[in-house]
Amino acid sequence: MKKAVNYNKKVITEEMKYDGVTVLKYRIEYPEFKALVYKEHIKDINQFYRDKAFELRTYLRTKLYQMAVDQYLDDIENGFPIRVFEALQTFKLTFNKACIISLYFDNYEYTGGAHGLTNRSSQTWNLQIGEMLELKELFAPSFDYKTYIVQQVIEEVKKNPDIYFDNYEELAEQNFNENSFYCRPEGLVVYYQQYDIAPYSSGIREFLLPYGDSVHNPITKCTD
């Protein structure tokens, strides 16, 4: 097996003002991977994350900034306290072994009100081919993995149902997202966004499915 890759944390940060007053603060964190192997694919993956980071910066500096300015002017007009908008992107590398890396990003935005919102996204890469691993690749070809995952989620929720919505069974199936997963050394993690199956106070809900007969360890996709 090839040696795992290393990474640096890259940061883009800015405090944006209007009429001399701060109306928006943002910080964008993203990875830059380094390794002696898989160089070309890692270069492409780094470009992918760099592009995503600067795409996010453009959104924050245009759309969200304009929203912040509009809110500032409204607050001034109505004599309300100034509410500074905030945005933060963080990431966590959760799997780094053989030819596989897996990570997730949490994107937080505060635009006034009682609290901000966080949205999670994730990718699992096969560095040998420079492509993202799809959820279905962690199961046997004929396996009904969606039904299996939803059933596992429901069984786990039943252990502590009070922190979920009453109709969690329906919501677990309805809001299941093929892209909402990442890998850890001990198993596959599927997650649901805030409000998907539980109130805001319960946060992003994660469910670990250990590797075994049903869920395959992603390193089985590595051929070297």
Protein backbone atom coordinates (compact mmCIF):
# COMPACT_ATOMS: atom_id res chain seq x y z
CA MET A 1 0.00 0.00 0.00
CA LYS A 2 1.21 3.50 -0.85
CA LYS A 3 2.07 5.95 1.89
CA ALA A 4 -0.77 8.24 2.96
CA VAL A 5 -0.69 11.84 1.76
CA ASN A 6 -0.07 14.98 3.83
CA TYR A 7 -1.89 18.29 3.63
CA ASN A 8 -1.65 21.96 4.52
CA LYS A 9 -4.58 24.10 5.62
CA LYS A 10 -5.06 27.08 3.30
CA VAL A 11 -7.04 30.07 4.56
CA ILE A 12 -8.85 32.98 2.92
CA THR A 13 -10.21 35.54 5.35
CA GLU A 14 -11.64 39.05 5.13
CA GLU A 15 -13.58 41.63 7.12
CA MET A 16 -15.86 43.62 4.81
CA LYS A 17 -17.12 47.07 5.68
CA TYR A 18 -19.82 49.43 4.50
CA ASP A 19 -19.63 53.12 5.33
CA GLY A 20 -16.72 52.32 7.63
CA VAL A 21 -18.68 49.71 9.60
CA THR A 22 -17.98 45.95 9.52
CA VAL A 23 -21.01 44.15 8.07
CA LEU A 24 -19.48 40.79 7.07
CA LYS A 25 -16.65 38.61 8.35
CA TYR A 26 -15.66 35.40 6.61
CA ARG A 27 -13.01 32.70 6.82
CA ILE A 28 -12.59 29.94 4.25
CA GLU A 29 -10.40 26.95 5.06
CA TYR A 30 -9.52 24.34 2.43
CA PRO A 31 -6.86 21.63 2.01
CA GLU A 32 -3.78 21.46 -0.16
CA PHE A 33 -2.58 17.88 -0.41
CA LYS A 34 1.03 16.79 -0.89
CA ALA A 35 2.57 13.39 -1.61
CA LEU A 36 5.33 11.69 -3.54
CA VAL A 37 2.76 9.46 -5.25
CA TYR A 38 -0.41 10.15 -7.26
CA LYS A 39 1.05 13.58 -8.06
CA GLU A 40 -1.04 14.40 -11.12
CA HIS A 41 -4.32 13.36 -9.51
CA ILE A 42 -3.48 15.22 -6.31
CA LYS A 43 -2.73 18.30 -8.38
CA ASP A 44 -6.21 18.07 -9.92
CA ILE A 45 -7.84 17.52 -6.53
CA ASN A 46 -6.02 20.55 -5.11
CA GLN A 47 -7.30 22.59 -8.05
CA PHE A 48 -10.82 21.33 -7.34
CA TYR A 49 -10.70 22.58 -3.76
CA ARG A 50 -8.98 25.82 -4.69
CA ASP A 51 -11.67 26.54 -7.28
CA LYS A 52 -14.42 25.73 -4.78
CA ALA A 53 -12.85 28.06 -2.20
CA PHE A 54 -12.61 30.99 -4.59
CA GLU A 55 -16.10 30.31 -5.89
CA LEU A 56 -17.31 30.56 -2.30
CA ARG A 57 -15.32 33.77 -1.82
CA THR A 58 -17.02 35.29 -4.85
CA TYR A 59 -20.45 34.43 -3.44
CA LEU A 60 -19.55 35.91 -0.04
CA ARG A 61 -18.10 39.09 -1.52
CA THR A 62 -21.08 39.70 -3.77
CA LYS A 63 -24.39 38.14 -2.78
CA LEU A 64 -23.86 37.72 0.96
CA TYR A 65 -22.13 41.10 1.26
CA GLN A 66 -25.07 42.80 -0.45
CA MET A 67 -27.45 41.02 1.92
CA ALA A 68 -25.33 42.24 4.84
CA VAL A 69 -25.42 45.82 3.55
CA ASP A 70 -29.18 45.69 3.10
CA GLN A 71 -29.56 44.36 6.64
CA TYR A 72 -27.24 47.08 7.98
CA LEU A 73 -29.24 49.84 6.30
CA ASP A 74 -32.49 48.35 7.59
CA ASP A 75 -31.07 48.11 11.13
CA ILE A 76 -29.93 51.74 11.00
CA GLU A 77 -33.27 52.91 9.68
CA ASN A 78 -35.19 51.09 12.40
CA GLY A 79 -32.79 51.78 15.25
CA PHE A 80 -31.89 48.10 15.70
CA PRO A 81 -28.49 46.81 16.88
CA ILE A 82 -26.11 46.15 13.99
CA ARG A 83 -25.95 42.46 13.17
CA VAL A 84 -22.65 41.47 11.59
CA PHE A 85 -22.98 38.64 9.08
CA GLU A 86 -20.52 35.78 9.43
CA ALA A 87 -19.39 32.89 7.24
CA LEU A 88 -16.97 30.09 8.08
CA GLN A 89 -15.85 27.05 6.13
CA THR A 90 -13.92 24.36 7.98
CA PHE A 91 -12.90 20.86 6.93
CA LYS A 92 -11.84 17.61 8.54
CA LEU A 93 -9.85 14.80 6.95
CA THR A 94 -11.43 11.57 8.20
CA PHE A 95 -9.71 8.85 6.17
CA ASN A 96 -6.17 8.81 4.77
CA LYS A 97 -4.95 5.35 3.92
CA ALA A 98 -3.67 3.53 0.86
CA CYS A 99 -5.13 5.31 -2.20
CA ILE A 100 -8.16 6.72 -0.36
CA ILE A 101 -8.74 10.09 1.27
CA SER A 102 -12.09 11.16 2.68
CA LEU A 103 -13.06 14.52 4.17
CA TYR A 104 -16.01 16.73 4.97
CA PHE A 105 -16.63 20.48 4.97
CA ASP A 106 -18.91 22.42 7.28
CA ASN A 107 -20.15 25.75 5.92
CA TYR A 108 -21.62 28.04 8.55
CA GLU A 109 -23.52 31.25 7.82
CA TYR A 110 -25.01 33.74 10.23
CA THR A 111 -27.35 36.28 8.66
CA GLY A 112 -29.12 37.58 11.74
CA GLY A 113 -31.77 35.92 13.85
CA ALA A 114 -31.32 33.56 16.75
CA HIS A 115 -28.57 31.44 15.22
CA GLY A 116 -26.68 30.61 12.05
CA LEU A 117 -26.97 27.51 9.91
CA THR A 118 -24.38 24.90 8.97
CA ASN A 119 -24.41 22.85 5.80
CA ARG A 120 -22.13 19.83 5.39
CA SER A 121 -20.62 18.43 2.20
CA SER A 122 -18.09 15.64 1.72
CA GLN A 123 -15.92 13.83 -0.77
CA THR A 124 -14.10 10.51 -0.83
CA TRP A 125 -11.35 10.22 -3.42
CA ASN A 126 -9.62 7.30 -5.08
CA LEU A 127 -6.18 8.82 -5.70
CA GLN A 128 -5.17 6.08 -8.12
CA ILE A 129 -7.71 7.27 -10.67
CA GLY A 130 -8.30 10.81 -9.40
CA GLU A 131 -12.05 10.36 -9.07
CA MET A 132 -14.57 10.57 -6.27
CA LEU A 133 -15.85 7.33 -4.85
CA GLU A 134 -19.62 6.92 -5.08
CA LEU A 135 -21.61 5.50 -2.18
CA LYS A 136 -22.73 2.48 -4.21
CA GLU A 137 -19.09 1.44 -4.68
CA LEU A 138 -18.88 0.55 -0.97
CA PHE A 139 -21.49 -2.19 -1.42
CA ALA A 140 -21.91 -5.28 -3.56
CA PRO A 141 -23.31 -4.47 -7.04
CA SER A 142 -26.72 -6.07 -6.45
CA PHE A 143 -27.09 -4.89 -2.85
CA ASP A 144 -30.01 -2.58 -1.99
CA TYR A 145 -27.74 -0.23 -0.06
CA LYS A 146 -30.21 2.66 0.22
CA THR A 147 -32.81 0.51 2.02
CA TYR A 148 -30.08 -1.00 4.18
CA ILE A 149 -28.70 2.40 5.23
CA VAL A 150 -32.11 3.90 5.98
CA GLN A 151 -33.01 0.87 8.09
CA GLN A 152 -29.74 1.19 10.03
CA VAL A 153 -30.43 4.89 10.60
CA ILE A 154 -33.95 4.20 11.87
CA GLU A 155 -32.73 1.51 14.25
CA GLU A 156 -30.14 3.90 15.65
CA VAL A 157 -32.66 6.72 16.05
CA LYS A 158 -34.96 4.40 18.01
CA LYS A 159 -32.33 4.30 20.76
CA ASN A 160 -32.82 8.00 21.48
CA PRO A 161 -35.91 9.22 19.58
CA ASP A 162 -36.53 12.29 21.75
CA ILE A 163 -33.94 14.39 19.91
CA TYR A 164 -35.55 13.68 16.52
CA PHE A 165 -38.77 14.74 14.80
CA ASP A 166 -41.73 12.45 15.46
CA ASN A 167 -41.90 11.33 11.81
CA TYR A 168 -38.20 10.46 11.67
CA GLU A 169 -38.80 7.20 9.79
CA GLU A 170 -40.45 9.00 6.89
CA LEU A 171 -37.85 11.77 6.96
CA ALA A 172 -34.91 9.35 7.08
CA GLU A 173 -35.99 7.93 3.75
CA GLN A 174 -37.25 11.17 2.23
CA ASN A 175 -34.08 13.16 3.01
CA PHE A 176 -31.55 10.42 2.34
CA ASN A 177 -28.80 11.86 0.12
CA GLU A 178 -26.40 9.67 -1.86
CA ASN A 179 -23.67 12.30 -1.50
CA SER A 180 -23.99 12.75 2.28
CA PHE A 181 -21.32 10.32 3.42
CA TYR A 182 -17.67 10.08 4.30
CA CYS A 183 -15.34 7.32 5.45
CA ARG A 184 -13.58 6.78 8.75
CA PRO A 185 -11.08 4.01 9.57
CA GLU A 186 -13.76 2.05 11.43
CA GLY A 187 -16.65 2.50 9.04
CA LEU A 188 -18.85 4.48 6.69
CA VAL A 189 -20.60 7.57 8.09
CA VAL A 190 -23.84 8.82 6.58
CA TYR A 191 -25.25 12.13 7.77
CA TYR A 192 -28.37 14.27 7.61
CA GLN A 193 -28.31 18.07 7.48
CA GLN A 194 -29.77 20.30 10.17
CA TYR A 195 -33.58 20.03 10.17
CA ASP A 196 -33.56 16.93 7.89
CA ILE A 197 -34.64 14.51 10.61
CA ALA A 198 -34.18 16.49 13.83
CA PRO A 199 -34.53 20.02 15.27
CA TYR A 200 -31.73 22.59 15.03
CA SER A 201 -30.62 21.83 18.60
CA SER A 202 -29.79 18.24 17.58
CA GLY A 203 -27.33 19.43 14.94
CA ILE A 204 -26.13 17.46 11.94
CA ARG A 205 -26.93 13.83 12.67
CA GLU A 206 -24.27 11.21 11.87
CA PHE A 207 -24.63 7.44 11.68
CA LEU A 208 -21.68 5.05 11.64
CA LEU A 209 -21.98 1.81 9.68
CA PRO A 210 -18.98 -0.44 10.50
CA TYR A 211 -17.15 -2.16 7.66
CA GLY A 212 -18.00 -5.82 7.28
CA ASP A 213 -20.02 -8.11 5.06
CA SER A 214 -22.44 -5.35 4.01
CA VAL A 215 -20.23 -2.24 3.95
CA HIS A 216 -16.87 -2.58 2.21
CA ASN A 217 -13.74 -0.78 3.36
CA PRO A 218 -12.80 1.72 0.61
CA ILE A 219 -9.19 0.51 0.49
CA THR A 220 -10.49 -2.57 -1.33
CA LYS A 221 -10.68 -0.21 -4.32
CA CYS A 222 -6.89 0.20 -4.25
CA THR A 223 -4.92 -2.12 -6.52
CA ASP A 224 -1.39 -1.21 -5.44
